[in-house]
Amino acid sequence: MSLNTFGHLFRVTTWGESHGPAIGCTVDGCPPGVRLSEADLQPWLDRRKPGTSKFTTQRQEADEVRILSGVFEGVTTGTPIALMIENTDQRSKDYSNIAQAFRPGHADITYHQKYGVRDYRGGGRSSARETASRVAAGGVARAMLAQMLPGLRITGYMVQMGPRGIDRARVDLDTIGNNPFWCPDPVAASDWAVYLDELRLSHNSVGAVIEVVAEGVPAGLGAPLYGKLDSDLAAAMMSINAVKAVEIGDGMAAATLTGVENADEIRMGAQGPEFLSNHAGGILGGISSGQPVVCRFAVKPTSSILTPRRTINATGEEIDLITKGRHDPCVGIRAVPVGEAMMALVLADHLLLDRGQTGGTRGVIG
């Protein structure tokens, strides 16, 4: 299987399967001299790991990351950084009943159609387990960004579970860590807890919408026409397992606006240009404007559920299938730190691209 690498200058290759001995990644292109240790990466993985509440899969993985190369005496050397996370709580026998069957809504059938062989244990590479490697790589990107852009802040949170959205009038980002959903609306979080518990007990699942905001992004990242910051950001988010849609700024809602409503007007402030709104999500013509970069993505319901679904097996026989095992009733919950990691990886990549092309010089205004 090819195409397991993404990024231009800051490049990440992930490897491993859900039920293999380990998963991991290789980060290539990180500049030398970045302070980095396993202790810097572990907090990000702890936010994503399974078994943190009754609303996530009960698979128990410590997700302890090891740095195998690319770091010497606490700093990066400029050589490839190899990261490894051991799998310690696989229950492959849970998947024996799907060895020759295709789970509806899952990648089983397309992997079989394309390759003629697939790892049915937890989905192999199509499992959300792969995203732990992305979060580890995102930790490297965050360490680099912390030194090169110390004012940068990346924050992700859930804004919708199934049909139930947050009330933005109640949003308090300081409350995100106070509930298991990364929800900035405490009232919505309480409602979601009841809603998801009912779905979980009825052997069902539900989708979600995640928003990721990067504040402190300098103007000038990204390039026209085929190196747009929003193009790479959309591709990065879309590559996350179970993601079905991505929006930048107002996204699809922009189609409902008039030109008068949509245009982000500009005035001159003491520190330079100031935008009076941010419908564009901090990106104009593929280039960051200096405003917060805003991205949302939609995660589909978990396909593996205990409710019988109609499908077929490898011989073409029509069957009803129940997927056993330990699964997230809303995989969007653990997608929040993954979205943050992908934002960090794209920004790190485009920061290096910009420095390579322009040296960091900027057009003067005022």
Protein backbone atom coordinates (compact mmCIF):
# COMPACT_ATOMS: atom_id res chain seq x y z
CA MET A 1 0.00 0.00 0.00
CA SER A 2 1.53 3.32 -1.08
CA LEU A 3 0.64 6.94 -0.31
CA ASN A 4 1.19 6.83 3.44
CA THR A 5 3.14 10.11 3.49
CA PHE A 6 1.79 13.66 3.63
CA GLY A 7 3.35 17.11 3.79
CA HIS A 8 5.80 18.96 1.53
CA LEU A 9 8.84 19.94 3.62
CA PHE A 10 7.56 18.80 7.03
CA ARG A 11 6.72 15.25 5.98
CA VAL A 12 5.03 12.50 7.99
CA THR A 13 4.82 8.82 7.11
CA THR A 14 2.61 6.66 9.35
CA TRP A 15 2.88 2.89 9.63
CA GLY A 16 1.32 -0.04 11.46
CA GLU A 17 -2.09 -1.64 11.92
CA SER A 18 -4.72 -1.60 14.65
CA HIS A 19 -3.89 -5.13 15.88
CA GLY A 20 -0.24 -5.35 14.92
CA PRO A 21 2.56 -5.21 17.50
CA ALA A 22 2.96 -1.44 17.18
CA ILE A 23 2.05 1.67 15.23
CA GLY A 24 4.13 4.76 14.61
CA CYS A 25 5.43 7.34 12.20
CA THR A 26 8.53 8.95 10.77
CA VAL A 27 8.71 12.76 10.80
CA ASP A 28 11.17 14.12 8.24
CA GLY A 29 12.01 17.79 7.71
CA CYS A 30 11.89 19.04 11.29
CA PRO A 31 14.65 21.65 11.68
CA PRO A 32 17.51 20.92 14.06
CA GLY A 33 17.66 22.48 17.49
CA VAL A 34 14.00 22.02 18.46
CA ARG A 35 13.67 21.01 22.11
CA LEU A 36 11.88 17.65 22.13
CA SER A 37 11.36 14.72 24.48
CA GLU A 38 8.83 11.94 24.96
CA ALA A 39 7.38 13.98 27.83
CA ASP A 40 6.57 16.75 25.32
CA LEU A 41 4.58 14.34 23.13
CA GLN A 42 2.80 12.20 25.72
CA PRO A 43 0.21 14.79 26.90
CA TRP A 44 -1.21 15.05 23.37
CA LEU A 45 -1.54 11.26 23.11
CA ASP A 46 -3.15 11.07 26.54
CA ARG A 47 -5.94 13.32 25.26
CA ARG A 48 -6.69 10.95 22.35
CA LYS A 49 -6.17 7.53 23.94
CA PRO A 50 -9.12 5.11 24.31
CA GLY A 51 -10.88 4.11 27.51
CA THR A 52 -11.00 7.59 29.04
CA SER A 53 -14.78 7.50 29.64
CA LYS A 54 -17.84 5.29 29.05
CA PHE A 55 -18.42 7.27 25.84
CA THR A 56 -15.28 5.94 24.13
CA THR A 57 -14.05 2.46 23.25
CA GLN A 58 -13.04 0.48 26.32
CA ARG A 59 -9.88 -0.79 24.66
CA GLN A 60 -7.14 -0.02 27.21
CA GLU A 61 -4.04 1.38 25.55
CA ALA A 62 -1.43 3.45 27.39
CA ASP A 63 -0.33 4.93 24.05
CA GLU A 64 3.16 5.49 25.40
CA VAL A 65 5.32 7.02 22.68
CA ARG A 66 9.01 6.24 22.20
CA ILE A 67 11.43 8.40 20.23
CA LEU A 68 13.74 6.05 18.33
CA SER A 69 15.79 8.51 16.30
CA GLY A 70 16.30 12.14 15.33
CA VAL A 71 16.78 13.54 18.86
CA PHE A 72 20.09 13.90 20.70
CA GLU A 73 20.62 15.45 24.12
CA GLY A 74 17.07 16.80 24.15
CA VAL A 75 17.01 18.53 20.76
CA THR A 76 16.20 17.49 17.22
CA THR A 77 19.16 16.85 14.94
CA GLY A 78 17.48 17.58 11.61
CA THR A 79 17.40 13.88 10.72
CA PRO A 80 14.25 11.72 10.52
CA ILE A 81 12.40 11.38 13.83
CA ALA A 82 11.02 7.87 14.31
CA LEU A 83 8.17 7.49 16.82
CA MET A 84 6.69 4.19 18.01
CA ILE A 85 3.59 3.33 20.07
CA GLU A 86 3.14 -0.30 21.11
CA ASN A 87 -0.28 -1.96 20.87
CA THR A 88 -0.91 -3.74 24.17
CA ASP A 89 -4.65 -4.53 24.36
CA GLN A 90 -5.63 -6.18 21.08
CA ARG A 91 -8.52 -8.67 21.07
CA SER A 92 -8.28 -9.95 17.51
CA LYS A 93 -10.68 -12.82 18.23
CA ASP A 94 -13.48 -10.24 18.40
CA TYR A 95 -13.14 -9.87 14.63
CA SER A 96 -13.12 -13.54 13.60
CA ASN A 97 -16.76 -13.32 12.49
CA ILE A 98 -15.92 -10.65 9.90
CA ALA A 99 -12.85 -12.32 8.40
CA GLN A 100 -14.91 -13.15 5.29
CA ALA A 101 -17.67 -10.54 5.68
CA PHE A 102 -17.87 -6.84 4.87
CA ARG A 103 -19.09 -4.42 7.53
CA PRO A 104 -21.55 -1.91 6.03
CA GLY A 105 -20.21 1.64 6.09
CA HIS A 106 -16.65 0.42 6.62
CA ALA A 107 -13.65 0.21 4.29
CA ASP A 108 -13.66 -3.60 4.33
CA ILE A 109 -15.23 -4.00 0.92
CA THR A 110 -13.18 -1.31 -0.85
CA TYR A 111 -9.88 -2.57 0.59
CA HIS A 112 -10.81 -6.06 -0.64
CA GLN A 113 -11.85 -4.77 -4.06
CA LYS A 114 -8.63 -2.78 -4.50
CA TYR A 115 -5.98 -5.06 -2.93
CA GLY A 116 -7.55 -8.52 -2.81
CA VAL A 117 -6.34 -8.85 0.76
CA ARG A 118 -7.15 -7.00 3.97
CA ASP A 119 -6.35 -7.07 7.67
CA TYR A 120 -9.80 -7.65 9.18
CA ARG A 121 -8.53 -7.27 12.79
CA GLY A 122 -10.00 -3.93 13.77
CA GLY A 123 -9.78 -2.68 10.21
CA GLY A 124 -5.99 -2.63 9.97
CA ARG A 125 -4.91 0.68 8.44
CA SER A 126 -8.49 1.91 8.13
CA SER A 127 -8.89 1.83 11.91
CA ALA A 128 -9.04 5.05 13.93
CA ARG A 129 -6.10 3.55 15.84
CA GLU A 130 -3.85 4.94 13.08
CA THR A 131 -4.62 8.47 14.25
CA ALA A 132 -2.46 8.01 17.37
CA SER A 133 0.55 8.25 15.06
CA ARG A 134 -0.74 11.54 13.67
CA VAL A 135 -1.17 12.94 17.17
CA ALA A 136 2.41 11.97 18.02
CA ALA A 137 3.66 13.66 14.84
CA GLY A 138 1.50 16.66 15.65
CA GLY A 139 3.34 16.90 18.96
CA VAL A 140 6.61 17.29 17.05
CA ALA A 141 5.01 20.00 14.92
CA ARG A 142 3.74 21.80 18.03
CA ALA A 143 7.24 21.75 19.54
CA MET A 144 8.65 23.32 16.37
CA LEU A 145 5.87 25.90 16.18
CA ALA A 146 6.30 26.81 19.85
CA GLN A 147 9.85 27.95 19.08
CA MET A 148 9.20 29.57 15.72
CA LEU A 149 5.73 31.04 16.42
CA PRO A 150 5.48 31.34 20.21
CA GLY A 151 2.14 33.19 20.01
CA LEU A 152 0.38 30.37 18.13
CA ARG A 153 -2.52 28.60 19.86
CA ILE A 154 -4.47 25.67 18.39
CA THR A 155 -7.81 24.76 19.99
CA GLY A 156 -10.25 22.04 18.94
CA TYR A 157 -13.72 21.29 20.26
CA MET A 158 -16.95 19.55 19.29
CA VAL A 159 -19.72 21.84 18.04
CA GLN A 160 -22.32 19.24 17.08
CA MET A 161 -23.26 15.67 18.01
CA GLY A 162 -25.75 14.15 15.62
CA PRO A 163 -28.46 16.81 15.09
CA ARG A 164 -27.66 18.56 18.38
CA GLY A 165 -25.43 21.63 18.11
CA ILE A 166 -23.96 24.04 20.63
CA ASP A 167 -25.34 27.50 21.39
CA ARG A 168 -22.48 29.83 20.49
CA ALA A 169 -23.87 32.43 22.90
CA ARG A 170 -22.92 30.02 25.71
CA VAL A 171 -19.45 29.13 24.41
CA ASP A 172 -16.70 29.20 27.03
CA LEU A 173 -13.46 27.66 25.77
CA ASP A 174 -12.19 27.31 29.33
CA THR A 175 -14.82 24.60 29.92
CA ILE A 176 -13.66 22.31 27.10
CA GLY A 177 -11.70 20.07 29.45
CA ASN A 178 -14.55 19.79 31.97
CA ASN A 179 -16.58 17.23 30.00
CA PRO A 180 -15.79 14.09 27.96
CA PHE A 181 -16.88 15.66 24.65
CA TRP A 182 -14.44 18.59 24.35
CA CYS A 183 -17.60 20.72 24.27
CA PRO A 184 -17.36 24.51 24.93
CA ASP A 185 -21.06 24.72 25.84
CA PRO A 186 -21.71 23.13 29.27
CA VAL A 187 -25.47 22.93 28.67
CA ALA A 188 -25.00 21.09 25.38
CA ALA A 189 -22.45 18.77 27.01
CA SER A 190 -25.00 17.68 29.62
CA ASP A 191 -27.60 17.07 26.91
CA TRP A 192 -25.12 15.08 24.81
CA ALA A 193 -24.27 12.83 27.77
CA VAL A 194 -27.88 11.67 28.07
CA TYR A 195 -28.33 11.43 24.30
CA LEU A 196 -25.16 9.39 23.70
CA ASP A 197 -25.81 7.10 26.65
CA GLU A 198 -29.18 6.18 25.16
CA LEU A 199 -27.58 5.50 21.76
CA ARG A 200 -24.78 3.46 23.31
CA LEU A 201 -27.17 1.26 25.29
CA SER A 202 -29.32 0.73 22.20
CA HIS A 203 -26.28 -0.55 20.27
CA ASN A 204 -26.15 2.48 17.99
CA SER A 205 -23.68 5.28 17.17
CA VAL A 206 -23.75 8.87 15.96
CA GLY A 207 -21.63 11.38 14.05
CA ALA A 208 -20.22 14.75 15.07
CA VAL A 209 -18.78 18.04 13.84
CA ILE A 210 -15.41 19.26 15.15
CA GLU A 211 -14.09 22.82 14.92
CA VAL A 212 -10.37 23.61 15.09
CA VAL A 213 -9.14 27.19 15.43
CA ALA A 214 -5.53 28.37 15.13
CA GLU A 215 -4.88 31.81 16.62
CA GLY A 216 -1.63 33.70 16.10
CA VAL A 217 -1.09 32.46 12.55
CA PRO A 218 0.97 35.11 10.73
CA ALA A 219 -0.15 36.56 7.42
CA GLY A 220 1.51 35.04 4.37
CA LEU A 221 1.37 31.26 4.84
CA GLY A 222 0.15 29.38 1.78
CA ALA A 223 0.57 30.06 -1.93
CA PRO A 224 -1.59 30.29 -5.06
CA LEU A 225 -2.82 28.28 -6.87
CA TYR A 226 -1.89 24.72 -6.04
CA GLY A 227 -0.20 25.34 -2.70
CA LYS A 228 -3.13 26.93 -0.93
CA LEU A 229 -3.14 26.73 2.83
CA ASP A 230 -6.85 25.88 2.84
CA SER A 231 -6.38 23.18 0.18
CA ASP A 232 -3.75 21.40 2.25
CA LEU A 233 -5.74 21.94 5.44
CA ALA A 234 -8.86 20.45 3.85
CA ALA A 235 -6.88 17.49 2.49
CA ALA A 236 -5.29 16.88 5.90
CA MET A 237 -8.62 16.88 7.73
CA MET A 238 -10.30 14.81 5.03
CA SER A 239 -7.57 12.18 5.38
CA ILE A 240 -8.63 11.45 8.97
CA ASN A 241 -10.53 8.15 9.15
CA ALA A 242 -14.35 8.62 9.17
CA VAL A 243 -14.25 12.29 8.07
CA LYS A 244 -16.78 12.99 5.30
CA ALA A 245 -16.77 16.80 4.92
CA VAL A 246 -14.52 19.80 5.63
CA GLU A 247 -15.30 23.53 5.84
CA ILE A 248 -13.03 26.58 6.07
CA GLY A 249 -14.52 29.67 7.70
CA ASP A 250 -18.24 29.88 6.97
CA GLY A 251 -17.86 26.96 4.58
CA MET A 252 -21.09 25.84 2.92
CA ALA A 253 -22.98 28.62 4.69
CA ALA A 254 -21.09 31.16 2.57
CA ALA A 255 -23.33 30.16 -0.32
CA THR A 256 -26.31 31.61 1.54
CA LEU A 257 -24.70 35.05 1.98
CA THR A 258 -24.65 38.09 -0.27
CA GLY A 259 -21.44 39.82 -1.25
CA VAL A 260 -22.18 42.61 1.19
CA GLU A 261 -22.57 40.12 4.04
CA ASN A 262 -19.64 37.88 3.14
CA ALA A 263 -16.86 40.42 2.51
CA ASP A 264 -14.54 40.75 5.51
CA GLU A 265 -14.11 44.53 5.64
CA ILE A 266 -10.74 46.01 6.62
CA ARG A 267 -9.61 49.01 8.60
CA MET A 268 -6.15 50.21 9.56
CA GLY A 269 -5.25 49.60 13.19
CA ALA A 270 -2.30 50.57 15.34
CA GLN A 271 -0.56 47.26 14.60
CA GLY A 272 -1.57 47.03 10.93
CA PRO A 273 -4.67 45.89 9.01
CA GLU A 274 -7.68 44.83 11.10
CA PHE A 275 -10.54 42.75 9.71
CA LEU A 276 -14.05 43.49 10.94
CA SER A 277 -15.26 39.89 10.47
CA ASN A 278 -13.84 36.48 9.58
CA HIS A 279 -16.18 34.74 7.15
CA ALA A 280 -13.13 33.55 5.19
CA GLY A 281 -11.72 31.63 8.14
CA GLY A 282 -8.40 33.46 8.11
CA ILE A 283 -7.45 32.48 4.55
CA LEU A 284 -7.82 34.59 1.38
CA GLY A 285 -6.65 33.33 -2.02
CA GLY A 286 -5.05 30.35 -0.28
CA ILE A 287 -2.87 32.64 1.88
CA SER A 288 -3.31 33.30 5.62
CA SER A 289 -4.55 36.81 6.42
CA GLY A 290 -3.33 37.01 10.01
CA GLN A 291 -6.78 36.27 11.39
CA PRO A 292 -7.61 33.03 13.23
CA VAL A 293 -7.66 30.06 10.88
CA VAL A 294 -11.00 28.28 11.33
CA CYS A 295 -11.70 24.76 10.08
CA ARG A 296 -14.57 22.33 10.72
CA PHE A 297 -14.95 18.70 9.75
CA ALA A 298 -17.78 16.19 9.96
CA VAL A 299 -17.19 12.68 11.31
CA LYS A 300 -19.63 9.94 10.33
CA PRO A 301 -21.19 7.54 12.87
CA THR A 302 -19.03 4.58 13.90
CA SER A 303 -19.74 1.80 11.40
CA SER A 304 -19.06 -1.03 13.87
CA ILE A 305 -22.24 -1.46 15.93
CA LEU A 306 -24.02 -4.33 17.70
CA THR A 307 -27.24 -3.83 15.74
CA PRO A 308 -27.60 -6.34 12.87
CA ARG A 309 -26.95 -4.84 9.41
CA ARG A 310 -27.50 -6.39 6.01
CA THR A 311 -24.36 -7.12 4.01
CA ILE A 312 -22.55 -9.80 1.98
CA ASN A 313 -19.47 -11.96 2.47
CA ALA A 314 -16.52 -12.68 0.19
CA THR A 315 -18.44 -15.42 -1.65
CA GLY A 316 -21.31 -13.03 -2.42
CA GLU A 317 -23.69 -14.60 0.09
CA GLU A 318 -26.21 -12.18 1.63
CA ILE A 319 -25.99 -12.15 5.42
CA ASP A 320 -26.92 -10.13 8.52
CA LEU A 321 -23.88 -8.98 10.48
CA ILE A 322 -23.31 -7.84 14.07
CA THR A 323 -19.87 -6.33 14.65
CA LYS A 324 -18.52 -7.44 18.01
CA GLY A 325 -15.65 -5.74 19.83
CA ARG A 326 -15.05 -2.45 21.63
CA HIS A 327 -16.04 0.61 19.63
CA ASP A 328 -16.68 4.32 20.09
CA PRO A 329 -20.39 5.22 20.08
CA CYS A 330 -19.23 8.62 18.76
CA VAL A 331 -15.76 8.47 17.24
CA GLY A 332 -15.88 12.25 16.85
CA ILE A 333 -15.00 12.62 20.53
CA ARG A 334 -11.47 11.35 20.05
CA ALA A 335 -11.21 13.14 16.70
CA VAL A 336 -10.75 16.50 18.48
CA PRO A 337 -7.04 16.03 19.35
CA VAL A 338 -6.51 14.46 15.94
CA GLY A 339 -7.88 17.57 14.22
CA GLU A 340 -5.61 19.75 16.35
CA ALA A 341 -2.62 17.61 15.34
CA MET A 342 -3.44 17.89 11.64
CA MET A 343 -3.76 21.68 11.96
CA ALA A 344 -0.32 21.79 13.61
CA LEU A 345 1.22 19.60 10.90
CA VAL A 346 -0.13 21.73 8.05
CA LEU A 347 0.94 24.99 9.69
CA ALA A 348 4.43 23.63 10.40
CA ASP A 349 4.74 22.52 6.77
CA HIS A 350 3.57 25.87 5.38
CA LEU A 351 5.79 27.84 7.73
CA LEU A 352 8.83 26.02 6.32
CA LEU A 353 7.53 26.40 2.76
CA ASP A 354 7.10 30.15 3.24
CA ARG A 355 10.56 30.60 4.68
CA GLY A 356 12.01 28.65 1.80
CA GLN A 357 10.21 30.76 -0.81
CA THR A 358 10.17 34.27 0.68
CA GLY A 359 12.58 34.12 3.59
CA GLY A 360 9.76 35.47 5.74
CA THR A 361 9.69 38.88 4.05
CA ARG A 362 6.31 40.63 3.78
CA GLY A 363 4.71 43.40 1.76
CA VAL A 364 4.51 46.67 3.68
CA ILE A 365 1.13 48.27 4.44
CA GLY A 366 0.93 51.79 5.82
